[in-house]
Amino acid sequence: MSVTKWFSLEEANAMLPFVDQELKKMQALKQQFEEKYVELREMKNELAEKPHKEKDPFFVMEAELEFIQIEVRGLIQNFQTTGVELKDIETGLVDFPSMLEGHEVLLCWKQGEDRIRYYHSKEDGFAGRKPISE
C-alpha cells in the first residue's frame, strides 16, 4: 500500500526544475526509441523482399531498443518515488497530489509553464483545470 505524498504549492513549484529535467531525459529516450524502431521496421521490410543468409541481422538493434525501454522504465520508476504523478511524457504533463481547502486535488503542471497555476480533481482531469486563486 502506497502512502500519498501531499505537496504544498511551494513544494511542487520548487520541484519543477527537477521534473522538467527528468521529463527531458524521458522525451529524448522516447524519441531515440521511436527513430530506432522505424529504422528497424524499414530494414526488416527491405530484407523480407530478398533472401538472406545471416542468422539474425536485427539482434543488435532489437537489443538497443530493449536497453532504451529498460532505461525509460527506470527513469519512470525513479520519478514515481517522488510522489509526482506522470500523466504524459510527450506533452510533459504531471500532477502533484495536494490538499486545497480540505479537498484532495491535483496541482497540474505542463512543461513550458513557468509555474503551477492550475489544479483539478481526480475525476475532472486536465480538461477540468481551474486556476489557483493566489
Protein backbone atom coordinates (compact mmCIF):
# COMPACT_ATOMS: atom_id res chain seq x y z
CA MET A 1 0.00 0.00 0.00
CA SER A 2 1.46 3.33 -1.00
CA VAL A 3 1.04 6.45 1.07
CA THR A 4 0.12 9.56 -0.90
CA LYS A 5 2.60 12.39 -0.55
CA TRP A 6 0.85 15.74 -0.38
CA PHE A 7 2.62 18.71 -1.92
CA SER A 8 2.10 22.32 -0.96
CA LEU A 9 2.06 24.71 -3.91
CA GLU A 10 5.52 25.95 -2.84
CA GLU A 11 6.96 22.40 -2.65
CA ALA A 12 5.50 21.49 -6.05
CA ASN A 13 6.85 24.66 -7.69
CA ALA A 14 10.27 24.02 -6.12
CA MET A 15 10.34 20.57 -7.78
CA LEU A 16 9.66 21.88 -11.30
CA PRO A 17 13.34 22.17 -12.37
CA PHE A 18 13.90 18.50 -11.39
CA VAL A 19 10.63 17.40 -13.03
CA ASP A 20 11.48 19.30 -16.23
CA GLN A 21 14.97 17.74 -16.36
CA GLU A 22 13.60 14.19 -15.86
CA LEU A 23 10.89 14.74 -18.49
CA LYS A 24 13.53 15.91 -20.99
CA LYS A 25 15.53 12.70 -20.40
CA MET A 26 12.41 10.58 -20.93
CA GLN A 27 11.41 12.55 -24.04
CA ALA A 28 14.89 12.15 -25.56
CA LEU A 29 14.85 8.39 -24.93
CA LYS A 30 11.31 8.10 -26.30
CA GLN A 31 12.37 9.88 -29.50
CA GLN A 32 15.51 7.76 -29.77
CA PHE A 33 13.38 4.62 -29.36
CA GLU A 34 10.87 5.71 -31.99
CA GLU A 35 13.61 6.54 -34.53
CA LYS A 36 15.38 3.20 -33.99
CA TYR A 37 12.08 1.34 -34.16
CA VAL A 38 11.18 2.93 -37.51
CA GLU A 39 14.68 2.19 -38.85
CA LEU A 40 14.43 -1.44 -37.72
CA ARG A 41 10.99 -1.84 -39.31
CA GLU A 42 12.26 -0.41 -42.61
CA MET A 43 15.27 -2.76 -42.58
CA LYS A 44 13.04 -5.75 -41.88
CA ASN A 45 10.74 -4.80 -44.74
CA GLU A 46 13.69 -4.42 -47.13
CA LEU A 47 15.17 -7.74 -46.08
CA ALA A 48 11.84 -9.53 -46.34
CA GLU A 49 11.96 -8.84 -50.08
CA LYS A 50 15.28 -10.64 -50.61
CA PRO A 51 16.73 -13.87 -49.21
CA HIS A 52 19.41 -13.58 -46.54
CA LYS A 53 21.97 -15.90 -45.01
CA GLU A 54 22.62 -14.12 -41.70
CA LYS A 55 21.02 -15.76 -38.68
CA ASP A 56 19.54 -12.62 -37.09
CA PRO A 57 20.75 -9.37 -38.63
CA PHE A 58 18.45 -7.37 -36.30
CA PHE A 59 19.69 -8.70 -32.97
CA VAL A 60 21.85 -5.65 -32.15
CA MET A 61 19.12 -3.11 -32.97
CA GLU A 62 16.49 -5.10 -31.06
CA ALA A 63 18.85 -5.25 -28.07
CA GLU A 64 19.38 -1.47 -28.27
CA LEU A 65 15.61 -0.95 -28.27
CA GLU A 66 15.29 -3.18 -25.20
CA PHE A 67 18.00 -1.23 -23.39
CA ILE A 68 16.23 2.06 -24.14
CA GLN A 69 12.97 0.61 -22.78
CA ILE A 70 14.74 -0.55 -19.59
CA GLU A 71 16.31 2.90 -19.17
CA VAL A 72 12.95 4.66 -19.60
CA ARG A 73 11.27 2.25 -17.18
CA GLY A 74 13.97 3.02 -14.61
CA LEU A 75 13.52 6.77 -15.06
CA ILE A 76 9.74 6.45 -14.70
CA GLN A 77 10.02 4.28 -11.56
CA ASN A 78 12.54 6.68 -10.05
CA PHE A 79 10.24 9.59 -10.93
CA GLN A 80 7.24 7.90 -9.30
CA THR A 81 9.11 7.53 -5.98
CA THR A 82 8.95 11.33 -5.64
CA GLY A 83 5.15 11.18 -5.38
CA VAL A 84 4.69 13.25 -8.53
CA GLU A 85 2.22 11.66 -10.97
CA LEU A 86 3.46 11.37 -14.55
CA LYS A 87 0.50 11.81 -16.91
CA ASP A 88 2.07 12.25 -20.36
CA ILE A 89 5.76 12.13 -21.28
CA GLU A 90 5.33 13.69 -24.73
CA THR A 91 3.47 16.83 -23.59
CA GLY A 92 5.28 16.91 -20.24
CA LEU A 93 2.13 16.71 -18.14
CA VAL A 94 2.41 15.97 -14.42
CA ASP A 95 0.20 16.22 -11.33
CA PHE A 96 1.15 16.84 -7.71
CA PRO A 97 -1.32 15.45 -5.13
CA SER A 98 -2.33 18.24 -2.79
CA MET A 99 -4.95 19.39 -0.30
CA LEU A 100 -6.88 22.55 -1.11
CA GLU A 101 -9.44 23.84 1.37
CA GLY A 102 -9.76 20.34 2.85
CA HIS A 103 -10.25 18.60 -0.52
CA GLU A 104 -7.89 16.25 -2.34
CA VAL A 105 -6.83 17.88 -5.61
CA LEU A 106 -4.06 17.54 -8.15
CA LEU A 107 -1.85 20.54 -8.81
CA CYS A 108 -1.42 20.40 -12.57
CA TRP A 109 1.69 21.44 -14.50
CA LYS A 110 2.50 21.18 -18.18
CA GLN A 111 6.06 21.52 -19.45
CA GLY A 112 6.70 25.07 -20.64
CA GLU A 113 4.58 26.73 -17.95
CA ASP A 114 6.73 28.91 -15.68
CA ARG A 115 4.98 27.67 -12.52
CA ILE A 116 1.95 25.78 -11.33
CA ARG A 117 -1.16 27.86 -11.95
CA TYR A 118 -3.90 25.20 -12.12
CA TYR A 119 -5.44 22.34 -10.22
CA HIS A 120 -8.19 19.80 -10.86
CA SER A 121 -9.99 17.00 -9.07
CA LYS A 122 -9.00 13.38 -9.72
CA GLU A 123 -12.26 12.94 -11.65
CA ASP A 124 -12.01 16.07 -13.81
CA GLY A 125 -8.52 15.55 -15.19
CA PHE A 126 -6.67 18.01 -17.40
CA ALA A 127 -9.86 19.16 -19.15
CA GLY A 128 -11.23 20.33 -15.79
CA ARG A 129 -8.25 22.51 -14.86
CA LYS A 130 -9.16 25.51 -12.72
CA PRO A 131 -6.89 28.43 -11.92
CA ILE A 132 -5.40 28.53 -8.42
CA SER A 133 -6.50 31.72 -6.69
CA GLU A 134 -3.37 33.40 -5.39
